[in-house]
Amino acid sequence: MATYVEMGSVLVAFLVLLLLLVFIQNPLAILINSLIAIGILFLLNAIFGLGIPINIITVLIVALGGIIGLLLIILLRLLKVGFIVV
């Protein structure tokens, strides 16, 4: 189990580094990516009823991560690991 956590931590750190490099090179691209991902999050909840809670945590993850952050939230929700409304 610990190896999965370590591999996940390395993957998250790599994605954050990649996002920082993109942000430094082209801030308009990260802004557009974030706005599109937030819009898709709202549409997925409205149309498909995924049940992902819209709160400050999910919006920040999607805003900072963009499409990759949105996919991570959807994956965690479908695997019932995180973002479950109790």
PDB file of N, CA and C in Angstrom:
ATOM      1  N   MET A   1       0.818  -1.195   0.000  1.00  0.00           N
ATOM      2  CA  MET A   1       0.000   0.000   0.000  1.00  0.00           C
ATOM      3  C   MET A   1       0.860   1.257   0.000  1.00  0.00           C
ATOM      4  N   ALA A   2       1.975   1.202   0.703  1.00  0.00           N
ATOM      5  CA  ALA A   2       2.836   2.382   0.788  1.00  0.00           C
ATOM      6  C   ALA A   2       3.434   2.731  -0.570  1.00  0.00           C
ATOM      7  N   THR A   3       3.679   1.729  -1.397  1.00  0.00           N
ATOM      8  CA  THR A   3       4.268   2.035  -2.699  1.00  0.00           C
ATOM      9  C   THR A   3       3.284   2.809  -3.577  1.00  0.00           C
ATOM     10  N   TYR A   4       1.979   2.523  -3.446  1.00  0.00           N
ATOM     11  CA  TYR A   4       0.997   3.270  -4.224  1.00  0.00           C
ATOM     12  C   TYR A   4       0.953   4.728  -3.791  1.00  0.00           C
ATOM     13  N   VAL A   5       1.061   4.960  -2.490  1.00  0.00           N
ATOM     14  CA  VAL A   5       1.056   6.327  -1.984  1.00  0.00           C
ATOM     15  C   VAL A   5       2.298   7.066  -2.453  1.00  0.00           C
ATOM     16  N   GLU A   6       3.427   6.405  -2.419  1.00  0.00           N
ATOM     17  CA  GLU A   6       4.667   7.040  -2.866  1.00  0.00           C
ATOM     18  C   GLU A   6       4.621   7.336  -4.359  1.00  0.00           C
ATOM     19  N   MET A   7       4.130   6.391  -5.144  1.00  0.00           N
ATOM     20  CA  MET A   7       4.038   6.612  -6.583  1.00  0.00           C
ATOM     21  C   MET A   7       3.055   7.737  -6.887  1.00  0.00           C
ATOM     22  N   GLY A   8       1.948   7.798  -6.144  1.00  0.00           N
ATOM     23  CA  GLY A   8       0.984   8.870  -6.329  1.00  0.00           C
ATOM     24  C   GLY A   8       1.565  10.219  -5.963  1.00  0.00           C
ATOM     25  N   SER A   9       2.355  10.252  -4.904  1.00  0.00           N
ATOM     26  CA  SER A   9       2.985  11.513  -4.486  1.00  0.00           C
ATOM     27  C   SER A   9       3.971  12.009  -5.534  1.00  0.00           C
ATOM     28  N   VAL A  10       4.742  11.107  -6.093  1.00  0.00           N
ATOM     29  CA  VAL A  10       5.696  11.484  -7.137  1.00  0.00           C
ATOM     30  C   VAL A  10       4.946  11.969  -8.370  1.00  0.00           C
ATOM     31  N   LEU A  11       3.855  11.305  -8.708  1.00  0.00           N
ATOM     32  CA  LEU A  11       3.070  11.712  -9.865  1.00  0.00           C
ATOM     33  C   LEU A  11       2.464  13.102  -9.662  1.00  0.00           C
ATOM     34  N   VAL A  12       1.929  13.360  -8.481  1.00  0.00           N
ATOM     35  CA  VAL A  12       1.352  14.678  -8.189  1.00  0.00           C
ATOM     36  C   VAL A  12       2.429  15.753  -8.228  1.00  0.00           C
ATOM     37  N   ALA A  13       3.598  15.466  -7.656  1.00  0.00           N
ATOM     38  CA  ALA A  13       4.690  16.442  -7.680  1.00  0.00           C
ATOM     39  C   ALA A  13       5.125  16.728  -9.121  1.00  0.00           C
ATOM     40  N   PHE A  14       5.184  15.709  -9.946  1.00  0.00           N
ATOM     41  CA  PHE A  14       5.554  15.893 -11.344  1.00  0.00           C
ATOM     42  C   PHE A  14       4.520  16.744 -12.081  1.00  0.00           C
ATOM     43  N   LEU A  15       3.241  16.493 -11.830  1.00  0.00           N
ATOM     44  CA  LEU A  15       2.190  17.269 -12.480  1.00  0.00           C
ATOM     45  C   LEU A  15       2.208  18.732 -12.034  1.00  0.00           C
ATOM     46  N   VAL A  16       2.483  18.965 -10.758  1.00  0.00           N
ATOM     47  CA  VAL A  16       2.582  20.346 -10.264  1.00  0.00           C
ATOM     48  C   VAL A  16       3.758  21.052 -10.921  1.00  0.00           C
ATOM     49  N   LEU A  17       4.875  20.385 -11.042  1.00  0.00           N
ATOM     50  CA  LEU A  17       6.040  20.968 -11.711  1.00  0.00           C
ATOM     51  C   LEU A  17       5.725  21.279 -13.167  1.00  0.00           C
ATOM     52  N   LEU A  18       5.059  20.365 -13.837  1.00  0.00           N
ATOM     53  CA  LEU A  18       4.682  20.582 -15.231  1.00  0.00           C
ATOM     54  C   LEU A  18       3.745  21.777 -15.365  1.00  0.00           C
ATOM     55  N   LEU A  19       2.773  21.883 -14.461  1.00  0.00           N
ATOM     56  CA  LEU A  19       1.854  23.021 -14.502  1.00  0.00           C
ATOM     57  C   LEU A  19       2.565  24.337 -14.228  1.00  0.00           C
ATOM     58  N   LEU A  20       3.523  24.334 -13.314  1.00  0.00           N
ATOM     59  CA  LEU A  20       4.281  25.548 -13.046  1.00  0.00           C
ATOM     60  C   LEU A  20       5.098  25.975 -14.261  1.00  0.00           C
ATOM     61  N   LEU A  21       5.670  25.016 -14.964  1.00  0.00           N
ATOM     62  CA  LEU A  21       6.428  25.353 -16.170  1.00  0.00           C
ATOM     63  C   LEU A  21       5.520  25.945 -17.244  1.00  0.00           C
ATOM     64  N   VAL A  22       4.334  25.383 -17.398  1.00  0.00           N
ATOM     65  CA  VAL A  22       3.390  25.920 -18.375  1.00  0.00           C
ATOM     66  C   VAL A  22       2.940  27.312 -17.965  1.00  0.00           C
ATOM     67  N   PHE A  23       2.688  27.509 -16.671  1.00  0.00           N
ATOM     68  CA  PHE A  23       2.227  28.804 -16.184  1.00  0.00           C
ATOM     69  C   PHE A  23       3.276  29.882 -16.404  1.00  0.00           C
ATOM     70  N   ILE A  24       4.537  29.555 -16.189  1.00  0.00           N
ATOM     71  CA  ILE A  24       5.604  30.536 -16.376  1.00  0.00           C
ATOM     72  C   ILE A  24       5.752  30.887 -17.855  1.00  0.00           C
ATOM     73  N   GLN A  25       5.594  29.894 -18.727  1.00  0.00           N
ATOM     74  CA  GLN A  25       5.787  30.141 -20.152  1.00  0.00           C
ATOM     75  C   GLN A  25       4.598  30.844 -20.790  1.00  0.00           C
ATOM     76  N   ASN A  26       3.381  30.466 -20.395  1.00  0.00           N
ATOM     77  CA  ASN A  26       2.205  31.025 -21.038  1.00  0.00           C
ATOM     78  C   ASN A  26       1.045  31.101 -20.038  1.00  0.00           C
ATOM     79  N   PRO A  27       0.905  32.208 -19.325  1.00  0.00           N
ATOM     80  CA  PRO A  27      -0.155  32.296 -18.316  1.00  0.00           C
ATOM     81  C   PRO A  27      -1.564  32.296 -18.913  1.00  0.00           C
ATOM     82  N   LEU A  28      -1.711  32.722 -20.152  1.00  0.00           N
ATOM     83  CA  LEU A  28      -3.028  32.714 -20.779  1.00  0.00           C
ATOM     84  C   LEU A  28      -3.516  31.283 -21.005  1.00  0.00           C
ATOM     85  N   ALA A  29      -2.611  30.369 -21.322  1.00  0.00           N
ATOM     86  CA  ALA A  29      -2.986  28.972 -21.551  1.00  0.00           C
ATOM     87  C   ALA A  29      -3.519  28.335 -20.280  1.00  0.00           C
ATOM     88  N   ILE A  30      -2.888  28.593 -19.143  1.00  0.00           N
ATOM     89  CA  ILE A  30      -3.358  28.008 -17.884  1.00  0.00           C
ATOM     90  C   ILE A  30      -4.695  28.618 -17.481  1.00  0.00           C
ATOM     91  N   LEU A  31      -4.916  29.891 -17.764  1.00  0.00           N
ATOM     92  CA  LEU A  31      -6.186  30.531 -17.449  1.00  0.00           C
ATOM     93  C   LEU A  31      -7.317  29.928 -18.280  1.00  0.00           C
ATOM     94  N   ILE A  32      -7.101  29.767 -19.549  1.00  0.00           N
ATOM     95  CA  ILE A  32      -8.117  29.179 -20.427  1.00  0.00           C
ATOM     96  C   ILE A  32      -8.386  27.734 -20.036  1.00  0.00           C
ATOM     97  N   ASN A  33      -7.334  26.963 -19.745  1.00  0.00           N
ATOM     98  CA  ASN A  33      -7.474  25.569 -19.331  1.00  0.00           C
ATOM     99  C   ASN A  33      -8.284  25.480 -18.039  1.00  0.00           C
ATOM    100  N   SER A  34      -8.024  26.359 -17.106  1.00  0.00           N
ATOM    101  CA  SER A  34      -8.740  26.347 -15.828  1.00  0.00           C
ATOM    102  C   SER A  34     -10.211  26.696 -16.013  1.00  0.00           C
ATOM    103  N   LEU A  35     -10.497  27.712 -16.800  1.00  0.00           N
ATOM    104  CA  LEU A  35     -11.890  28.114 -17.015  1.00  0.00           C
ATOM    105  C   LEU A  35     -12.681  27.026 -17.731  1.00  0.00           C
ATOM    106  N   ILE A  36     -12.071  26.383 -18.699  1.00  0.00           N
ATOM    107  CA  ILE A  36     -12.744  25.295 -19.410  1.00  0.00           C
ATOM    108  C   ILE A  36     -13.005  24.128 -18.459  1.00  0.00           C
ATOM    109  N   ALA A  37     -12.017  23.786 -17.630  1.00  0.00           N
ATOM    110  CA  ALA A  37     -12.174  22.667 -16.697  1.00  0.00           C
ATOM    111  C   ALA A  37     -13.249  22.955 -15.655  1.00  0.00           C
ATOM    112  N   ILE A  38     -13.322  24.181 -15.142  1.00  0.00           N
ATOM    113  CA  ILE A  38     -14.359  24.528 -14.173  1.00  0.00           C
ATOM    114  C   ILE A  38     -15.734  24.458 -14.825  1.00  0.00           C
ATOM    115  N   GLY A  39     -15.841  24.932 -16.051  1.00  0.00           N
ATOM    116  CA  GLY A  39     -17.108  24.830 -16.776  1.00  0.00           C
ATOM    117  C   GLY A  39     -17.529  23.386 -17.001  1.00  0.00           C
ATOM    118  N   ILE A  40     -16.580  22.532 -17.354  1.00  0.00           N
ATOM    119  CA  ILE A  40     -16.878  21.119 -17.561  1.00  0.00           C
ATOM    120  C   ILE A  40     -17.310  20.465 -16.247  1.00  0.00           C
ATOM    121  N   LEU A  41     -16.680  20.850 -15.133  1.00  0.00           N
ATOM    122  CA  LEU A  41     -17.065  20.307 -13.827  1.00  0.00           C
ATOM    123  C   LEU A  41     -18.525  20.621 -13.520  1.00  0.00           C
ATOM    124  N   PHE A  42     -18.929  21.862 -13.733  1.00  0.00           N
ATOM    125  CA  PHE A  42     -20.321  22.236 -13.484  1.00  0.00           C
ATOM    126  C   PHE A  42     -21.273  21.500 -14.427  1.00  0.00           C
ATOM    127  N   LEU A  43     -20.891  21.372 -15.692  1.00  0.00           N
ATOM    128  CA  LEU A  43     -21.750  20.673 -16.654  1.00  0.00           C
ATOM    129  C   LEU A  43     -21.869  19.191 -16.341  1.00  0.00           C
ATOM    130  N   LEU A  44     -20.775  18.558 -15.942  1.00  0.00           N
ATOM    131  CA  LEU A  44     -20.830  17.134 -15.608  1.00  0.00           C
ATOM    132  C   LEU A  44     -21.740  16.884 -14.417  1.00  0.00           C
ATOM    133  N   ASN A  45     -21.691  17.754 -13.439  1.00  0.00           N
ATOM    134  CA  ASN A  45     -22.587  17.595 -12.290  1.00  0.00           C
ATOM    135  C   ASN A  45     -24.034  17.844 -12.678  1.00  0.00           C
ATOM    136  N   ALA A  46     -24.279  18.816 -13.547  1.00  0.00           N
ATOM    137  CA  ALA A  46     -25.646  19.159 -13.917  1.00  0.00           C
ATOM    138  C   ALA A  46     -26.257  18.119 -14.861  1.00  0.00           C
ATOM    139  N   ILE A  47     -25.496  17.668 -15.836  1.00  0.00           N
ATOM    140  CA  ILE A  47     -26.039  16.775 -16.864  1.00  0.00           C
ATOM    141  C   ILE A  47     -26.001  15.317 -16.423  1.00  0.00           C
ATOM    142  N   PHE A  48     -24.836  14.850 -15.971  1.00  0.00           N
ATOM    143  CA  PHE A  48     -24.683  13.435 -15.651  1.00  0.00           C
ATOM    144  C   PHE A  48     -24.892  13.121 -14.177  1.00  0.00           C
ATOM    145  N   GLY A  49     -24.970  14.123 -13.336  1.00  0.00           N
ATOM    146  CA  GLY A  49     -25.211  13.903 -11.915  1.00  0.00           C
ATOM    147  C   GLY A  49     -24.132  13.072 -11.252  1.00  0.00           C
ATOM    148  N   LEU A  50     -22.868  13.433 -11.465  1.00  0.00           N
ATOM    149  CA  LEU A  50     -21.773  12.664 -10.878  1.00  0.00           C
ATOM    150  C   LEU A  50     -21.738  12.756  -9.361  1.00  0.00           C
ATOM    151  N   GLY A  51     -22.306  13.791  -8.810  1.00  0.00           N
ATOM    152  CA  GLY A  51     -22.326  13.928  -7.360  1.00  0.00           C
ATOM    153  C   GLY A  51     -21.033  14.435  -6.773  1.00  0.00           C
ATOM    154  N   ILE A  52     -20.227  15.100  -7.571  1.00  0.00           N
ATOM    155  CA  ILE A  52     -18.994  15.694  -7.066  1.00  0.00           C
ATOM    156  C   ILE A  52     -19.370  16.984  -6.357  1.00  0.00           C
ATOM    157  N   PRO A  53     -19.011  17.107  -5.077  1.00  0.00           N
ATOM    158  CA  PRO A  53     -19.393  18.328  -4.357  1.00  0.00           C
ATOM    159  C   PRO A  53     -18.640  19.541  -4.904  1.00  0.00           C
ATOM    160  N   ILE A  54     -19.354  20.618  -5.111  1.00  0.00           N
ATOM    161  CA  ILE A  54     -18.734  21.856  -5.571  1.00  0.00           C
ATOM    162  C   ILE A  54     -18.420  22.680  -4.323  1.00  0.00           C
ATOM    163  N   ASN A  55     -17.171  22.663  -3.920  1.00  0.00           N
ATOM    164  CA  ASN A  55     -16.736  23.449  -2.770  1.00  0.00           C
ATOM    165  C   ASN A  55     -15.375  24.060  -3.097  1.00  0.00           C
ATOM    166  N   ILE A  56     -14.783  24.727  -2.138  1.00  0.00           N
ATOM    167  CA  ILE A  56     -13.530  25.433  -2.394  1.00  0.00           C
ATOM    168  C   ILE A  56     -12.404  24.473  -2.766  1.00  0.00           C
ATOM    169  N   ILE A  57     -12.398  23.273  -2.202  1.00  0.00           N
ATOM    170  CA  ILE A  57     -11.335  22.309  -2.484  1.00  0.00           C
ATOM    171  C   ILE A  57     -11.405  21.833  -3.938  1.00  0.00           C
ATOM    172  N   THR A  58     -12.594  21.415  -4.381  1.00  0.00           N
ATOM    173  CA  THR A  58     -12.714  20.916  -5.746  1.00  0.00           C
ATOM    174  C   THR A  58     -12.465  22.020  -6.765  1.00  0.00           C
ATOM    175  N   VAL A  59     -12.956  23.215  -6.489  1.00  0.00           N
ATOM    176  CA  VAL A  59     -12.740  24.315  -7.434  1.00  0.00           C
ATOM    177  C   VAL A  59     -11.257  24.684  -7.504  1.00  0.00           C
ATOM    178  N   LEU A  60     -10.562  24.681  -6.367  1.00  0.00           N
ATOM    179  CA  LEU A  60      -9.124  24.982  -6.390  1.00  0.00           C
ATOM    180  C   LEU A  60      -8.329  23.901  -7.131  1.00  0.00           C
ATOM    181  N   ILE A  61      -8.675  22.646  -6.918  1.00  0.00           N
ATOM    182  CA  ILE A  61      -7.975  21.567  -7.622  1.00  0.00           C
ATOM    183  C   ILE A  61      -8.182  21.695  -9.122  1.00  0.00           C
ATOM    184  N   VAL A  62      -9.411  21.956  -9.521  1.00  0.00           N
ATOM    185  CA  VAL A  62      -9.698  22.084 -10.949  1.00  0.00           C
ATOM    186  C   VAL A  62      -9.087  23.361 -11.511  1.00  0.00           C
ATOM    187  N   ALA A  63      -9.111  24.444 -10.752  1.00  0.00           N
ATOM    188  CA  ALA A  63      -8.545  25.702 -11.250  1.00  0.00           C
ATOM    189  C   ALA A  63      -7.032  25.600 -11.400  1.00  0.00           C
ATOM    190  N   LEU A  64      -6.374  24.973 -10.452  1.00  0.00           N
ATOM    191  CA  LEU A  64      -4.915  24.846 -10.540  1.00  0.00           C
ATOM    192  C   LEU A  64      -4.487  23.722 -11.469  1.00  0.00           C
ATOM    193  N   GLY A  65      -5.243  22.641 -11.494  1.00  0.00           N
ATOM    194  CA  GLY A  65      -4.869  21.485 -12.293  1.00  0.00           C
ATOM    195  C   GLY A  65      -5.436  21.479 -13.688  1.00  0.00           C
ATOM    196  N   GLY A  66      -6.483  22.254 -13.909  1.00  0.00           N
ATOM    197  CA  GLY A  66      -7.102  22.286 -15.233  1.00  0.00           C
ATOM    198  C   GLY A  66      -7.790  20.971 -15.546  1.00  0.00           C
ATOM    199  N   ILE A  67      -7.655  20.543 -16.775  1.00  0.00           N
ATOM    200  CA  ILE A  67      -8.283  19.303 -17.225  1.00  0.00           C
ATOM    201  C   ILE A  67      -7.702  18.110 -16.475  1.00  0.00           C
ATOM    202  N   ILE A  68      -6.422  18.141 -16.189  1.00  0.00           N
ATOM    203  CA  ILE A  68      -5.787  17.040 -15.451  1.00  0.00           C
ATOM    204  C   ILE A  68      -6.367  16.957 -14.038  1.00  0.00           C
ATOM    205  N   GLY A  69      -6.558  18.077 -13.390  1.00  0.00           N
ATOM    206  CA  GLY A  69      -7.164  18.093 -12.067  1.00  0.00           C
ATOM    207  C   GLY A  69      -8.595  17.589 -12.097  1.00  0.00           C
ATOM    208  N   LEU A  70      -9.332  17.962 -13.134  1.00  0.00           N
ATOM    209  CA  LEU A  70     -10.707  17.495 -13.280  1.00  0.00           C
ATOM    210  C   LEU A  70     -10.747  15.982 -13.464  1.00  0.00           C
ATOM    211  N   LEU A  71      -9.866  15.458 -14.295  1.00  0.00           N
ATOM    212  CA  LEU A  71      -9.813  14.013 -14.495  1.00  0.00           C
ATOM    213  C   LEU A  71      -9.445  13.282 -13.206  1.00  0.00           C
ATOM    214  N   LEU A  72      -8.558  13.866 -12.426  1.00  0.00           N
ATOM    215  CA  LEU A  72      -8.179  13.274 -11.143  1.00  0.00           C
ATOM    216  C   LEU A  72      -9.375  13.236 -10.191  1.00  0.00           C
ATOM    217  N   ILE A  73     -10.130  14.310 -10.120  1.00  0.00           N
ATOM    218  CA  ILE A  73     -11.308  14.346  -9.253  1.00  0.00           C
ATOM    219  C   ILE A  73     -12.351  13.334  -9.712  1.00  0.00           C
ATOM    220  N   ILE A  74     -12.584  13.253 -11.011  1.00  0.00           N
ATOM    221  CA  ILE A  74     -13.559  12.288 -11.538  1.00  0.00           C
ATOM    222  C   ILE A  74     -13.108  10.866 -11.250  1.00  0.00           C
ATOM    223  N   LEU A  75     -11.831  10.583 -11.443  1.00  0.00           N
ATOM    224  CA  LEU A  75     -11.305   9.245 -11.179  1.00  0.00           C
ATOM    225  C   LEU A  75     -11.454   8.876  -9.707  1.00  0.00           C
ATOM    226  N   LEU A  76     -11.097   9.792  -8.819  1.00  0.00           N
ATOM    227  CA  LEU A  76     -11.234   9.521  -7.390  1.00  0.00           C
ATOM    228  C   LEU A  76     -12.693   9.339  -6.992  1.00  0.00           C
ATOM    229  N   ARG A  77     -13.586  10.094  -7.611  1.00  0.00           N
ATOM    230  CA  ARG A  77     -15.018   9.965  -7.306  1.00  0.00           C
ATOM    231  C   ARG A  77     -15.560   8.632  -7.791  1.00  0.00           C
ATOM    232  N   LEU A  78     -15.196   8.219  -9.011  1.00  0.00           N
ATOM    233  CA  LEU A  78     -15.699   6.965  -9.544  1.00  0.00           C
ATOM    234  C   LEU A  78     -15.132   5.746  -8.810  1.00  0.00           C
ATOM    235  N   LEU A  79     -13.910   5.867  -8.290  1.00  0.00           N
ATOM    236  CA  LEU A  79     -13.323   4.787  -7.499  1.00  0.00           C
ATOM    237  C   LEU A  79     -13.783   4.815  -6.055  1.00  0.00           C
ATOM    238  N   LYS A  80     -14.599   5.823  -5.707  1.00  0.00           N
ATOM    239  CA  LYS A  80     -15.121   5.999  -4.349  1.00  0.00           C
ATOM    240  C   LYS A  80     -14.011   6.139  -3.313  1.00  0.00           C
ATOM    241  N   VAL A  81     -12.942   6.834  -3.708  1.00  0.00           N
ATOM    242  CA  VAL A  81     -11.828   7.096  -2.809  1.00  0.00           C
ATOM    243  C   VAL A  81     -11.972   8.466  -2.175  1.00  0.00           C
ATOM    244  N   GLY A  82     -12.424   9.426  -2.929  1.00  0.00           N
ATOM    245  CA  GLY A  82     -12.557  10.785  -2.429  1.00  0.00           C
ATOM    246  C   GLY A  82     -13.722  11.498  -3.078  1.00  0.00           C
ATOM    247  N   PHE A  83     -14.037  12.672  -2.545  1.00  0.00           N
ATOM    248  CA  PHE A  83     -15.091  13.529  -3.076  1.00  0.00           C
ATOM    249  C   PHE A  83     -16.451  12.847  -3.041  1.00  0.00           C
ATOM    250  N   ILE A  84     -16.720  12.183  -1.917  1.00  0.00           N
ATOM    251  CA  ILE A  84     -17.984  11.493  -1.714  1.00  0.00           C
ATOM    252  C   ILE A  84     -18.815  12.323  -0.750  1.00  0.00           C
ATOM    253  N   VAL A  85     -20.046  12.589  -1.127  1.00  0.00           N
ATOM    254  CA  VAL A  85     -20.955  13.340  -0.269  1.00  0.00           C
ATOM    255  C   VAL A  85     -21.586  12.354   0.706  1.00  0.00           C
ATOM    256  N   VAL A  86     -21.468  12.649   1.994  1.00  0.00           N
ATOM    257  CA  VAL A  86     -22.011  11.753   3.011  1.00  0.00           C
ATOM    258  C   VAL A  86     -23.350  12.247   3.473  1.00  0.00           C
TER     259      VAL A  86
END
